[in-house]
Structure formats: structure tokens, C-alpha cells
Amino acid sequence: MSTGSEPRFGRPEAMAMLARYGDRSPDQVDDQIGSLELTWLIAEAEQTYGVQLDLDDDRLDTIRTVDDAVAALGAQLDRALRPDDPPRSETPLRPDAPTRSEGTFRLDAGAAAP
């Protein structure tokens, strides 16, 4: 696993993981990626990095190459491996506004309750 400003999951890591599928060398891995190889790659990345990735069907359908997989899985891994960075939807618009995870929302003084 890389540290610092280097990508945690890049093309070399993906190629090495895909090479283990079919017991081949990384230079024997084709750039086009099929659904079984993608499933293998996701499982390998989850096991290697100790996370569970959550890619929806629409995103999975766009992954056709190793580079597509690196972009999609890399983004998921970055989010999963940096739990201190809240997702954008969790960031309050106002400093005093609660986040969704706090479970309660404050009504403004003049607003009527539903």
C-alpha cells in the first residue's frame, strides 16, 4: 500500500491483482476488463485494503478497462481509507447547522413545525 501523496491504488496494483486471476504475469493482463475480472479485482482490493467497496450498478456498467477500474475503485478506496473526511453531503452548509449524522435538525425561530 502506498503512502503520502502517491495514489493508494493505481494501475500497477490493479494489474498485479488481475494477474493473480488466471495465474499470469501483469504484462499478460489485457487492458479490457470483463465482468469476472472486475468482480475478482473488487474482491482483491477489498481484501488487500480491508474495506468494503460500494459501487452502484450504473458505475459498474461504465467500467470497461483497467484504467476505468482504477479510477472507480481508487476513488472508493480513498473515501473508505480516509474516514475523517466527511462526504460532501454530510458537510453542513452553515457552521451551526447539524449534519445528517447528528440525527436532529434545528428549526429557525420563525419557522412552523410540520
PDB file of N, CA and C in Angstrom:
ATOM      1  N   MET A   1       0.850  -1.171   0.000  1.00  0.00           N
ATOM      2  CA  MET A   1       0.000   0.000   0.000  1.00  0.00           C
ATOM      3  C   MET A   1       0.894   1.232   0.000  1.00  0.00           C
ATOM      4  N   SER A   2       0.534   2.236  -0.827  1.00  0.00           N
ATOM      5  CA  SER A   2       1.322   3.452  -0.929  1.00  0.00           C
ATOM      6  C   SER A   2       0.980   4.403   0.202  1.00  0.00           C
ATOM      7  N   THR A   3       1.890   5.325   0.464  1.00  0.00           N
ATOM      8  CA  THR A   3       1.640   6.332   1.489  1.00  0.00           C
ATOM      9  C   THR A   3       1.937   7.702   0.931  1.00  0.00           C
ATOM     10  N   GLY A   4       1.618   8.735   1.679  1.00  0.00           N
ATOM     11  CA  GLY A   4       1.917  10.085   1.259  1.00  0.00           C
ATOM     12  C   GLY A   4       1.021  10.541   0.138  1.00  0.00           C
ATOM     13  N   SER A   5       1.597  11.301  -0.816  1.00  0.00           N
ATOM     14  CA  SER A   5       0.809  11.853  -1.899  1.00  0.00           C
ATOM     15  C   SER A   5       0.624  10.874  -3.050  1.00  0.00           C
ATOM     16  N   GLU A   6       1.272   9.723  -3.002  1.00  0.00           N
ATOM     17  CA  GLU A   6       1.124   8.718  -4.046  1.00  0.00           C
ATOM     18  C   GLU A   6      -0.282   8.114  -3.984  1.00  0.00           C
ATOM     19  N   PRO A   7      -0.806   7.663  -5.126  1.00  0.00           N
ATOM     20  CA  PRO A   7      -2.114   7.020  -5.087  1.00  0.00           C
ATOM     21  C   PRO A   7      -2.043   5.717  -4.293  1.00  0.00           C
ATOM     22  N   ARG A   8      -3.072   5.467  -3.550  1.00  0.00           N
ATOM     23  CA  ARG A   8      -3.120   4.244  -2.762  1.00  0.00           C
ATOM     24  C   ARG A   8      -3.376   3.034  -3.659  1.00  0.00           C
ATOM     25  N   PHE A   9      -4.119   3.270  -4.727  1.00  0.00           N
ATOM     26  CA  PHE A   9      -4.483   2.196  -5.639  1.00  0.00           C
ATOM     27  C   PHE A   9      -4.328   2.733  -7.059  1.00  0.00           C
ATOM     28  N   GLY A  10      -3.346   2.216  -7.757  1.00  0.00           N
ATOM     29  CA  GLY A  10      -3.092   2.677  -9.116  1.00  0.00           C
ATOM     30  C   GLY A  10      -3.055   1.518 -10.089  1.00  0.00           C
ATOM     31  N   ARG A  11      -2.689   1.829 -11.295  1.00  0.00           N
ATOM     32  CA  ARG A  11      -2.635   0.824 -12.362  1.00  0.00           C
ATOM     33  C   ARG A  11      -1.706  -0.349 -12.010  1.00  0.00           C
ATOM     34  N   PRO A  12      -0.510  -0.099 -11.456  1.00  0.00           N
ATOM     35  CA  PRO A  12       0.355  -1.237 -11.125  1.00  0.00           C
ATOM     36  C   PRO A  12      -0.290  -2.207 -10.123  1.00  0.00           C
ATOM     37  N   GLU A  13      -0.972  -1.655  -9.114  1.00  0.00           N
ATOM     38  CA  GLU A  13      -1.632  -2.511  -8.127  1.00  0.00           C
ATOM     39  C   GLU A  13      -2.778  -3.294  -8.777  1.00  0.00           C
ATOM     40  N   ALA A  14      -3.542  -2.621  -9.621  1.00  0.00           N
ATOM     41  CA  ALA A  14      -4.653  -3.289 -10.311  1.00  0.00           C
ATOM     42  C   ALA A  14      -4.142  -4.395 -11.228  1.00  0.00           C
ATOM     43  N   MET A  15      -3.090  -4.107 -11.978  1.00  0.00           N
ATOM     44  CA  MET A  15      -2.528  -5.117 -12.899  1.00  0.00           C
ATOM     45  C   MET A  15      -2.007  -6.327 -12.127  1.00  0.00           C
ATOM     46  N   ALA A  16      -1.368  -6.089 -11.001  1.00  0.00           N
ATOM     47  CA  ALA A  16      -0.861  -7.196 -10.185  1.00  0.00           C
ATOM     48  C   ALA A  16      -2.011  -8.050  -9.648  1.00  0.00           C
ATOM     49  N   MET A  17      -3.074  -7.382  -9.210  1.00  0.00           N
ATOM     50  CA  MET A  17      -4.233  -8.125  -8.695  1.00  0.00           C
ATOM     51  C   MET A  17      -4.901  -8.921  -9.812  1.00  0.00           C
ATOM     52  N   LEU A  18      -5.048  -8.312 -10.976  1.00  0.00           N
ATOM     53  CA  LEU A  18      -5.664  -9.014 -12.100  1.00  0.00           C
ATOM     54  C   LEU A  18      -4.798 -10.169 -12.590  1.00  0.00           C
ATOM     55  N   ALA A  19      -3.489 -10.034 -12.473  1.00  0.00           N
ATOM     56  CA  ALA A  19      -2.581 -11.096 -12.896  1.00  0.00           C
ATOM     57  C   ALA A  19      -2.776 -12.360 -12.059  1.00  0.00           C
ATOM     58  N   ARG A  20      -3.151 -12.179 -10.805  1.00  0.00           N
ATOM     59  CA  ARG A  20      -3.391 -13.345  -9.949  1.00  0.00           C
ATOM     60  C   ARG A  20      -4.621 -14.126 -10.392  1.00  0.00           C
ATOM     61  N   TYR A  21      -5.524 -13.460 -11.119  1.00  0.00           N
ATOM     62  CA  TYR A  21      -6.684 -14.140 -11.693  1.00  0.00           C
ATOM     63  C   TYR A  21      -6.201 -14.854 -12.952  1.00  0.00           C
ATOM     64  N   GLY A  22      -6.099 -16.127 -12.915  1.00  0.00           N
ATOM     65  CA  GLY A  22      -5.594 -16.891 -14.048  1.00  0.00           C
ATOM     66  C   GLY A  22      -4.112 -17.180 -13.973  1.00  0.00           C
ATOM     67  N   ASP A  23      -3.494 -16.821 -12.842  1.00  0.00           N
ATOM     68  CA  ASP A  23      -2.083 -17.110 -12.609  1.00  0.00           C
ATOM     69  C   ASP A  23      -1.209 -16.693 -13.794  1.00  0.00           C
ATOM     70  N   ARG A  24      -1.191 -15.401 -14.082  1.00  0.00           N
ATOM     71  CA  ARG A  24      -0.404 -14.869 -15.187  1.00  0.00           C
ATOM     72  C   ARG A  24       0.461 -13.719 -14.688  1.00  0.00           C
ATOM     73  N   SER A  25       1.303 -13.219 -15.537  1.00  0.00           N
ATOM     74  CA  SER A  25       2.127 -12.071 -15.151  1.00  0.00           C
ATOM     75  C   SER A  25       1.369 -10.788 -15.503  1.00  0.00           C
ATOM     76  N   PRO A  26       1.694  -9.682 -14.834  1.00  0.00           N
ATOM     77  CA  PRO A  26       0.992  -8.426 -15.121  1.00  0.00           C
ATOM     78  C   PRO A  26       1.054  -8.008 -16.596  1.00  0.00           C
ATOM     79  N   ASP A  27       2.149  -8.329 -17.296  1.00  0.00           N
ATOM     80  CA  ASP A  27       2.240  -7.948 -18.714  1.00  0.00           C
ATOM     81  C   ASP A  27       1.331  -8.785 -19.608  1.00  0.00           C
ATOM     82  N   GLN A  28       0.744  -9.848 -19.060  1.00  0.00           N
ATOM     83  CA  GLN A  28      -0.198 -10.671 -19.813  1.00  0.00           C
ATOM     84  C   GLN A  28      -1.651 -10.234 -19.608  1.00  0.00           C
ATOM     85  N   VAL A  29      -1.867  -9.249 -18.756  1.00  0.00           N
ATOM     86  CA  VAL A  29      -3.218  -8.769 -18.477  1.00  0.00           C
ATOM     87  C   VAL A  29      -3.631  -7.798 -19.581  1.00  0.00           C
ATOM     88  N   ASP A  30      -4.800  -8.069 -20.169  1.00  0.00           N
ATOM     89  CA  ASP A  30      -5.337  -7.209 -21.225  1.00  0.00           C
ATOM     90  C   ASP A  30      -5.910  -5.938 -20.609  1.00  0.00           C
ATOM     91  N   ASP A  31      -5.897  -4.840 -21.353  1.00  0.00           N
ATOM     92  CA  ASP A  31      -6.432  -3.582 -20.848  1.00  0.00           C
ATOM     93  C   ASP A  31      -7.956  -3.630 -20.709  1.00  0.00           C
ATOM     94  N   GLN A  32      -8.625  -4.386 -21.569  1.00  0.00           N
ATOM     95  CA  GLN A  32     -10.071  -4.550 -21.470  1.00  0.00           C
ATOM     96  C   GLN A  32     -10.370  -5.480 -20.292  1.00  0.00           C
ATOM     97  N   ILE A  33     -11.396  -5.134 -19.525  1.00  0.00           N
ATOM     98  CA  ILE A  33     -11.699  -5.913 -18.330  1.00  0.00           C
ATOM     99  C   ILE A  33     -13.142  -6.420 -18.417  1.00  0.00           C
ATOM    100  N   GLY A  34     -13.299  -7.716 -18.219  1.00  0.00           N
ATOM    101  CA  GLY A  34     -14.622  -8.331 -18.247  1.00  0.00           C
ATOM    102  C   GLY A  34     -15.246  -8.350 -16.862  1.00  0.00           C
ATOM    103  N   SER A  35     -16.497  -8.777 -16.811  1.00  0.00           N
ATOM    104  CA  SER A  35     -17.224  -8.749 -15.537  1.00  0.00           C
ATOM    105  C   SER A  35     -16.613  -9.677 -14.492  1.00  0.00           C
ATOM    106  N   LEU A  36     -16.108 -10.838 -14.900  1.00  0.00           N
ATOM    107  CA  LEU A  36     -15.483 -11.740 -13.921  1.00  0.00           C
ATOM    108  C   LEU A  36     -14.177 -11.160 -13.395  1.00  0.00           C
ATOM    109  N   GLU A  37     -13.403 -10.557 -14.287  1.00  0.00           N
ATOM    110  CA  GLU A  37     -12.162  -9.917 -13.836  1.00  0.00           C
ATOM    111  C   GLU A  37     -12.462  -8.733 -12.911  1.00  0.00           C
ATOM    112  N   LEU A  38     -13.499  -7.980 -13.223  1.00  0.00           N
ATOM    113  CA  LEU A  38     -13.867  -6.853 -12.373  1.00  0.00           C
ATOM    114  C   LEU A  38     -14.305  -7.331 -10.996  1.00  0.00           C
ATOM    115  N   THR A  39     -15.083  -8.394 -10.965  1.00  0.00           N
ATOM    116  CA  THR A  39     -15.506  -8.974  -9.689  1.00  0.00           C
ATOM    117  C   THR A  39     -14.291  -9.422  -8.892  1.00  0.00           C
ATOM    118  N   TRP A  40     -13.346 -10.070  -9.548  1.00  0.00           N
ATOM    119  CA  TRP A  40     -12.107 -10.505  -8.904  1.00  0.00           C
ATOM    120  C   TRP A  40     -11.337  -9.295  -8.361  1.00  0.00           C
ATOM    121  N   LEU A  41     -11.212  -8.262  -9.180  1.00  0.00           N
ATOM    122  CA  LEU A  41     -10.456  -7.078  -8.794  1.00  0.00           C
ATOM    123  C   LEU A  41     -11.076  -6.401  -7.576  1.00  0.00           C
ATOM    124  N   ILE A  42     -12.391  -6.289  -7.559  1.00  0.00           N
ATOM    125  CA  ILE A  42     -13.068  -5.681  -6.417  1.00  0.00           C
ATOM    126  C   ILE A  42     -12.820  -6.501  -5.158  1.00  0.00           C
ATOM    127  N   ALA A  43     -12.959  -7.814  -5.265  1.00  0.00           N
ATOM    128  CA  ALA A  43     -12.731  -8.689  -4.107  1.00  0.00           C
ATOM    129  C   ALA A  43     -11.283  -8.599  -3.622  1.00  0.00           C
ATOM    130  N   GLU A  44     -10.340  -8.574  -4.539  1.00  0.00           N
ATOM    131  CA  GLU A  44      -8.925  -8.456  -4.171  1.00  0.00           C
ATOM    132  C   GLU A  44      -8.635  -7.116  -3.493  1.00  0.00           C
ATOM    133  N   ALA A  45      -9.199  -6.039  -4.034  1.00  0.00           N
ATOM    134  CA  ALA A  45      -8.978  -4.710  -3.443  1.00  0.00           C
ATOM    135  C   ALA A  45      -9.587  -4.655  -2.043  1.00  0.00           C
ATOM    136  N   GLU A  46     -10.791  -5.208  -1.885  1.00  0.00           N
ATOM    137  CA  GLU A  46     -11.419  -5.212  -0.563  1.00  0.00           C
ATOM    138  C   GLU A  46     -10.582  -5.995   0.436  1.00  0.00           C
ATOM    139  N   GLN A  47     -10.081  -7.144   0.021  1.00  0.00           N
ATOM    140  CA  GLN A  47      -9.269  -7.967   0.919  1.00  0.00           C
ATOM    141  C   GLN A  47      -7.932  -7.294   1.219  1.00  0.00           C
ATOM    142  N   THR A  48      -7.295  -6.747   0.215  1.00  0.00           N
ATOM    143  CA  THR A  48      -5.988  -6.112   0.388  1.00  0.00           C
ATOM    144  C   THR A  48      -6.048  -4.900   1.310  1.00  0.00           C
ATOM    145  N   TYR A  49      -7.076  -4.070   1.121  1.00  0.00           N
ATOM    146  CA  TYR A  49      -7.167  -2.818   1.872  1.00  0.00           C
ATOM    147  C   TYR A  49      -8.082  -2.906   3.087  1.00  0.00           C
ATOM    148  N   GLY A  50      -8.727  -4.056   3.281  1.00  0.00           N
ATOM    149  CA  GLY A  50      -9.562  -4.256   4.466  1.00  0.00           C
ATOM    150  C   GLY A  50     -10.788  -3.368   4.521  1.00  0.00           C
ATOM    151  N   VAL A  51     -11.398  -3.133   3.362  1.00  0.00           N
ATOM    152  CA  VAL A  51     -12.595  -2.293   3.292  1.00  0.00           C
ATOM    153  C   VAL A  51     -13.664  -3.003   2.466  1.00  0.00           C
ATOM    154  N   GLN A  52     -14.873  -2.466   2.522  1.00  0.00           N
ATOM    155  CA  GLN A  52     -15.942  -2.950   1.652  1.00  0.00           C
ATOM    156  C   GLN A  52     -16.285  -1.815   0.693  1.00  0.00           C
ATOM    157  N   LEU A  53     -16.194  -2.098  -0.595  1.00  0.00           N
ATOM    158  CA  LEU A  53     -16.468  -1.086  -1.604  1.00  0.00           C
ATOM    159  C   LEU A  53     -17.937  -1.133  -1.993  1.00  0.00           C
ATOM    160  N   ASP A  54     -18.478   0.012  -2.339  1.00  0.00           N
ATOM    161  CA  ASP A  54     -19.893   0.109  -2.666  1.00  0.00           C
ATOM    162  C   ASP A  54     -20.054   0.857  -3.979  1.00  0.00           C
ATOM    163  N   LEU A  55     -20.017   0.119  -5.077  1.00  0.00           N
ATOM    164  CA  LEU A  55     -20.202   0.709  -6.401  1.00  0.00           C
ATOM    165  C   LEU A  55     -21.588   0.328  -6.898  1.00  0.00           C
ATOM    166  N   ASP A  56     -22.383   1.324  -7.310  1.00  0.00           N
ATOM    167  CA  ASP A  56     -23.719   1.004  -7.788  1.00  0.00           C
ATOM    168  C   ASP A  56     -23.645   0.410  -9.204  1.00  0.00           C
ATOM    169  N   ASP A  57     -24.751  -0.178  -9.633  1.00  0.00           N
ATOM    170  CA  ASP A  57     -24.781  -0.857 -10.933  1.00  0.00           C
ATOM    171  C   ASP A  57     -24.441   0.074 -12.086  1.00  0.00           C
ATOM    172  N   ASP A  58     -24.909   1.312 -12.019  1.00  0.00           N
ATOM    173  CA  ASP A  58     -24.610   2.262 -13.095  1.00  0.00           C
ATOM    174  C   ASP A  58     -23.114   2.498 -13.212  1.00  0.00           C
ATOM    175  N   ARG A  59     -22.439   2.644 -12.074  1.00  0.00           N
ATOM    176  CA  ARG A  59     -20.987   2.867 -12.094  1.00  0.00           C
ATOM    177  C   ARG A  59     -20.258   1.622 -12.575  1.00  0.00           C
ATOM    178  N   LEU A  60     -20.699   0.459 -12.117  1.00  0.00           N
ATOM    179  CA  LEU A  60     -20.064  -0.792 -12.555  1.00  0.00           C
ATOM    180  C   LEU A  60     -20.182  -0.979 -14.065  1.00  0.00           C
ATOM    181  N   ASP A  61     -21.320  -0.581 -14.632  1.00  0.00           N
ATOM    182  CA  ASP A  61     -21.543  -0.728 -16.069  1.00  0.00           C
ATOM    183  C   ASP A  61     -20.609   0.135 -16.904  1.00  0.00           C
ATOM    184  N   THR A  62     -20.030   1.179 -16.319  1.00  0.00           N
ATOM    185  CA  THR A  62     -19.128   2.057 -17.071  1.00  0.00           C
ATOM    186  C   THR A  62     -17.685   1.564 -17.063  1.00  0.00           C
ATOM    187  N   ILE A  63     -17.390   0.563 -16.267  1.00  0.00           N
ATOM    188  CA  ILE A  63     -16.017   0.069 -16.153  1.00  0.00           C
ATOM    189  C   ILE A  63     -15.767  -0.953 -17.259  1.00  0.00           C
ATOM    190  N   ARG A  64     -14.938  -0.549 -18.209  1.00  0.00           N
ATOM    191  CA  ARG A  64     -14.623  -1.406 -19.348  1.00  0.00           C
ATOM    192  C   ARG A  64     -13.123  -1.705 -19.468  1.00  0.00           C
ATOM    193  N   THR A  65     -12.300  -0.855 -18.859  1.00  0.00           N
ATOM    194  CA  THR A  65     -10.853  -1.013 -18.966  1.00  0.00           C
ATOM    195  C   THR A  65     -10.218  -0.998 -17.583  1.00  0.00           C
ATOM    196  N   VAL A  66      -8.955  -1.345 -17.536  1.00  0.00           N
ATOM    197  CA  VAL A  66      -8.218  -1.304 -16.276  1.00  0.00           C
ATOM    198  C   VAL A  66      -8.188   0.123 -15.741  1.00  0.00           C
ATOM    199  N   ASP A  67      -7.998   1.095 -16.621  1.00  0.00           N
ATOM    200  CA  ASP A  67      -7.970   2.495 -16.177  1.00  0.00           C
ATOM    201  C   ASP A  67      -9.318   2.932 -15.597  1.00  0.00           C
ATOM    202  N   ASP A  68     -10.425   2.468 -16.205  1.00  0.00           N
ATOM    203  CA  ASP A  68     -11.757   2.757 -15.651  1.00  0.00           C
ATOM    204  C   ASP A  68     -11.870   2.190 -14.236  1.00  0.00           C
ATOM    205  N   ALA A  69     -11.391   0.967 -14.073  1.00  0.00           N
ATOM    206  CA  ALA A  69     -11.459   0.300 -12.765  1.00  0.00           C
ATOM    207  C   ALA A  69     -10.596   1.026 -11.745  1.00  0.00           C
ATOM    208  N   VAL A  70      -9.411   1.456 -12.150  1.00  0.00           N
ATOM    209  CA  VAL A  70      -8.519   2.175 -11.244  1.00  0.00           C
ATOM    210  C   VAL A  70      -9.179   3.470 -10.778  1.00  0.00           C
ATOM    211  N   ALA A  71      -9.813   4.186 -11.688  1.00  0.00           N
ATOM    212  CA  ALA A  71     -10.471   5.439 -11.322  1.00  0.00           C
ATOM    213  C   ALA A  71     -11.624   5.192 -10.350  1.00  0.00           C
ATOM    214  N   ALA A  72     -12.474   4.231 -10.663  1.00  0.00           N
ATOM    215  CA  ALA A  72     -13.652   3.962  -9.822  1.00  0.00           C
ATOM    216  C   ALA A  72     -13.262   3.372  -8.470  1.00  0.00           C
ATOM    217  N   LEU A  73     -12.427   2.347  -8.482  1.00  0.00           N
ATOM    218  CA  LEU A  73     -12.027   1.701  -7.236  1.00  0.00           C
ATOM    219  C   LEU A  73     -11.118   2.612  -6.419  1.00  0.00           C
ATOM    220  N   GLY A  74     -10.245   3.340  -7.086  1.00  0.00           N
ATOM    221  CA  GLY A  74      -9.356   4.254  -6.375  1.00  0.00           C
ATOM    222  C   GLY A  74     -10.130   5.311  -5.611  1.00  0.00           C
ATOM    223  N   ALA A  75     -11.172   5.862  -6.236  1.00  0.00           N
ATOM    224  CA  ALA A  75     -11.989   6.872  -5.557  1.00  0.00           C
ATOM    225  C   ALA A  75     -12.702   6.264  -4.355  1.00  0.00           C
ATOM    226  N   GLN A  76     -13.238   5.062  -4.513  1.00  0.00           N
ATOM    227  CA  GLN A  76     -13.910   4.390  -3.401  1.00  0.00           C
ATOM    228  C   GLN A  76     -12.928   4.077  -2.278  1.00  0.00           C
ATOM    229  N   LEU A  77     -11.750   3.603  -2.636  1.00  0.00           N
ATOM    230  CA  LEU A  77     -10.747   3.273  -1.626  1.00  0.00           C
ATOM    231  C   LEU A  77     -10.277   4.518  -0.884  1.00  0.00           C
ATOM    232  N   ASP A  78     -10.084   5.613  -1.602  1.00  0.00           N
ATOM    233  CA  ASP A  78      -9.677   6.859  -0.938  1.00  0.00           C
ATOM    234  C   ASP A  78     -10.702   7.276   0.098  1.00  0.00           C
ATOM    235  N   ARG A  79     -11.987   7.202  -0.261  1.00  0.00           N
ATOM    236  CA  ARG A  79     -13.041   7.574   0.696  1.00  0.00           C
ATOM    237  C   ARG A  79     -13.068   6.606   1.872  1.00  0.00           C
ATOM    238  N   ALA A  80     -12.930   5.316   1.594  1.00  0.00           N
ATOM    239  CA  ALA A  80     -13.003   4.307   2.657  1.00  0.00           C
ATOM    240  C   ALA A  80     -11.802   4.376   3.593  1.00  0.00           C
ATOM    241  N   LEU A  81     -10.652   4.738   3.055  1.00  0.00           N
ATOM    242  CA  LEU A  81      -9.429   4.767   3.858  1.00  0.00           C
ATOM    243  C   LEU A  81      -9.198   6.108   4.538  1.00  0.00           C
ATOM    244  N   ARG A  82     -10.059   7.084   4.280  1.00  0.00           N
ATOM    245  CA  ARG A  82      -9.965   8.394   4.928  1.00  0.00           C
ATOM    246  C   ARG A  82     -11.283   8.710   5.615  1.00  0.00           C
ATOM    247  N   PRO A  83     -11.618   7.969   6.667  1.00  0.00           N
ATOM    248  CA  PRO A  83     -12.917   8.170   7.319  1.00  0.00           C
ATOM    249  C   PRO A  83     -13.050   9.517   8.014  1.00  0.00           C
ATOM    250  N   ASP A  84     -11.951  10.219   8.259  1.00  0.00           N
ATOM    251  CA  ASP A  84     -12.019  11.522   8.921  1.00  0.00           C
ATOM    252  C   ASP A  84     -12.555  12.608   8.000  1.00  0.00           C
ATOM    253  N   ASP A  85     -12.490  12.381   6.686  1.00  0.00           N
ATOM    254  CA  ASP A  85     -13.004  13.352   5.729  1.00  0.00           C
ATOM    255  C   ASP A  85     -14.471  13.037   5.470  1.00  0.00           C
ATOM    256  N   PRO A  86     -15.400  13.892   5.929  1.00  0.00           N
ATOM    257  CA  PRO A  86     -16.821  13.595   5.712  1.00  0.00           C
ATOM    258  C   PRO A  86     -17.184  13.716   4.244  1.00  0.00           C
ATOM    259  N   PRO A  87     -18.111  12.884   3.768  1.00  0.00           N
ATOM    260  CA  PRO A  87     -18.579  13.042   2.393  1.00  0.00           C
ATOM    261  C   PRO A  87     -19.190  14.434   2.230  1.00  0.00           C
ATOM    262  N   ARG A  88     -19.201  14.943   1.036  1.00  0.00           N
ATOM    263  CA  ARG A  88     -19.715  16.292   0.797  1.00  0.00           C
ATOM    264  C   ARG A  88     -21.145  16.454   1.282  1.00  0.00           C
ATOM    265  N   SER A  89     -21.981  15.437   1.142  1.00  0.00           N
ATOM    266  CA  SER A  89     -23.372  15.554   1.558  1.00  0.00           C
ATOM    267  C   SER A  89     -23.514  15.637   3.079  1.00  0.00           C
ATOM    268  N   GLU A  90     -22.481  15.278   3.812  1.00  0.00           N
ATOM    269  CA  GLU A  90     -22.508  15.336   5.266  1.00  0.00           C
ATOM    270  C   GLU A  90     -22.013  16.677   5.798  1.00  0.00           C
ATOM    271  N   THR A  91     -21.442  17.503   4.949  1.00  0.00           N
ATOM    272  CA  THR A  91     -20.883  18.770   5.384  1.00  0.00           C
ATOM    273  C   THR A  91     -21.991  19.806   5.478  1.00  0.00           C
ATOM    274  N   PRO A  92     -22.193  20.421   6.658  1.00  0.00           N
ATOM    275  CA  PRO A  92     -23.252  21.419   6.789  1.00  0.00           C
ATOM    276  C   PRO A  92     -22.974  22.651   5.940  1.00  0.00           C
ATOM    277  N   LEU A  93     -24.046  23.270   5.444  1.00  0.00           N
ATOM    278  CA  LEU A  93     -23.893  24.489   4.671  1.00  0.00           C
ATOM    279  C   LEU A  93     -23.567  25.666   5.579  1.00  0.00           C
ATOM    280  N   ARG A  94     -24.124  25.671   6.776  1.00  0.00           N
ATOM    281  CA  ARG A  94     -23.833  26.710   7.773  1.00  0.00           C
ATOM    282  C   ARG A  94     -23.039  26.065   8.899  1.00  0.00           C
ATOM    283  N   PRO A  95     -22.129  26.807   9.518  1.00  0.00           N
ATOM    284  CA  PRO A  95     -21.337  26.225  10.609  1.00  0.00           C
ATOM    285  C   PRO A  95     -22.185  25.734  11.770  1.00  0.00           C
ATOM    286  N   ASP A  96     -23.349  26.366  12.021  1.00  0.00           N
ATOM    287  CA  ASP A  96     -24.173  25.963  13.157  1.00  0.00           C
ATOM    288  C   ASP A  96     -25.223  24.921  12.782  1.00  0.00           C
ATOM    289  N   ALA A  97     -25.272  24.521  11.509  1.00  0.00           N
ATOM    290  CA  ALA A  97     -26.267  23.543  11.070  1.00  0.00           C
ATOM    291  C   ALA A  97     -25.775  22.136  11.403  1.00  0.00           C
ATOM    292  N   PRO A  98     -26.651  21.286  11.917  1.00  0.00           N
ATOM    293  CA  PRO A  98     -26.242  19.914  12.229  1.00  0.00           C
ATOM    294  C   PRO A  98     -26.061  19.112  10.946  1.00  0.00           C
ATOM    295  N   THR A  99     -25.227  18.102  11.009  1.00  0.00           N
ATOM    296  CA  THR A  99     -25.074  17.212   9.872  1.00  0.00           C
ATOM    297  C   THR A  99     -26.156  16.153   9.930  1.00  0.00           C
ATOM    298  N   ARG A 100     -26.338  15.450   8.823  1.00  0.00           N
ATOM    299  CA  ARG A 100     -27.330  14.392   8.760  1.00  0.00           C
ATOM    300  C   ARG A 100     -27.041  13.317   9.805  1.00  0.00           C
ATOM    301  N   SER A 101     -25.784  13.066  10.086  1.00  0.00           N
ATOM    302  CA  SER A 101     -25.423  12.003  11.018  1.00  0.00           C
ATOM    303  C   SER A 101     -25.740  12.349  12.469  1.00  0.00           C
ATOM    304  N   GLU A 102     -25.963  13.640  12.773  1.00  0.00           N
ATOM    305  CA  GLU A 102     -26.314  14.006  14.144  1.00  0.00           C
ATOM    306  C   GLU A 102     -27.765  13.649  14.460  1.00  0.00           C
ATOM    307  N   GLY A 103     -28.573  13.427  13.433  1.00  0.00           N
ATOM    308  CA  GLY A 103     -29.915  12.907  13.638  1.00  0.00           C
ATOM    309  C   GLY A 103     -30.979  13.922  13.987  1.00  0.00           C
ATOM    310  N   THR A 104     -30.654  15.156  14.282  1.00  0.00           N
ATOM    311  CA  THR A 104     -31.666  16.156  14.601  1.00  0.00           C
ATOM    312  C   THR A 104     -31.391  17.405  13.786  1.00  0.00           C
ATOM    313  N   PHE A 105     -32.451  18.124  13.513  1.00  0.00           N
ATOM    314  CA  PHE A 105     -32.314  19.358  12.771  1.00  0.00           C
ATOM    315  C   PHE A 105     -33.019  20.465  13.534  1.00  0.00           C
ATOM    316  N   ARG A 106     -32.405  21.626  13.604  1.00  0.00           N
ATOM    317  CA  ARG A 106     -32.969  22.748  14.336  1.00  0.00           C
ATOM    318  C   ARG A 106     -33.829  23.576  13.378  1.00  0.00           C
ATOM    319  N   LEU A 107     -35.018  23.933  13.846  1.00  0.00           N
ATOM    320  CA  LEU A 107     -35.883  24.816  13.074  1.00  0.00           C
ATOM    321  C   LEU A 107     -35.495  26.251  13.380  1.00  0.00           C
ATOM    322  N   ASP A 108     -35.550  27.103  12.345  1.00  0.00           N
ATOM    323  CA  ASP A 108     -35.294  28.520  12.579  1.00  0.00           C
ATOM    324  C   ASP A 108     -36.415  29.098  13.430  1.00  0.00           C
ATOM    325  N   ALA A 109     -36.148  30.188  14.124  1.00  0.00           N
ATOM    326  CA  ALA A 109     -37.062  30.758  15.114  1.00  0.00           C
ATOM    327  C   ALA A 109     -38.470  30.986  14.582  1.00  0.00           C
ATOM    328  N   GLY A 110     -38.649  31.501  13.403  1.00  0.00           N
ATOM    329  CA  GLY A 110     -39.976  31.813  12.900  1.00  0.00           C
ATOM    330  C   GLY A 110     -40.624  30.683  12.123  1.00  0.00           C
ATOM    331  N   ALA A 111     -39.960  29.589  11.926  1.00  0.00           N
ATOM    332  CA  ALA A 111     -40.493  28.511  11.093  1.00  0.00           C
ATOM    333  C   ALA A 111     -41.488  27.666  11.849  1.00  0.00           C
ATOM    334  N   ALA A 112     -42.507  27.254  11.171  1.00  0.00           N
ATOM    335  CA  ALA A 112     -43.525  26.392  11.773  1.00  0.00           C
ATOM    336  C   ALA A 112     -43.094  24.947  11.649  1.00  0.00           C
ATOM    337  N   ALA A 113     -43.359  24.166  12.669  1.00  0.00           N
ATOM    338  CA  ALA A 113     -43.035  22.740  12.644  1.00  0.00           C
ATOM    339  C   ALA A 113     -44.019  22.033  11.727  1.00  0.00           C
ATOM    340  N   PRO A 114     -43.611  21.004  11.018  1.00  0.00           N
ATOM    341  CA  PRO A 114     -44.516  20.273  10.111  1.00  0.00           C
ATOM    342  C   PRO A 114     -45.598  19.536  10.854  1.00  0.00           C
TER     343      PRO A 114
END
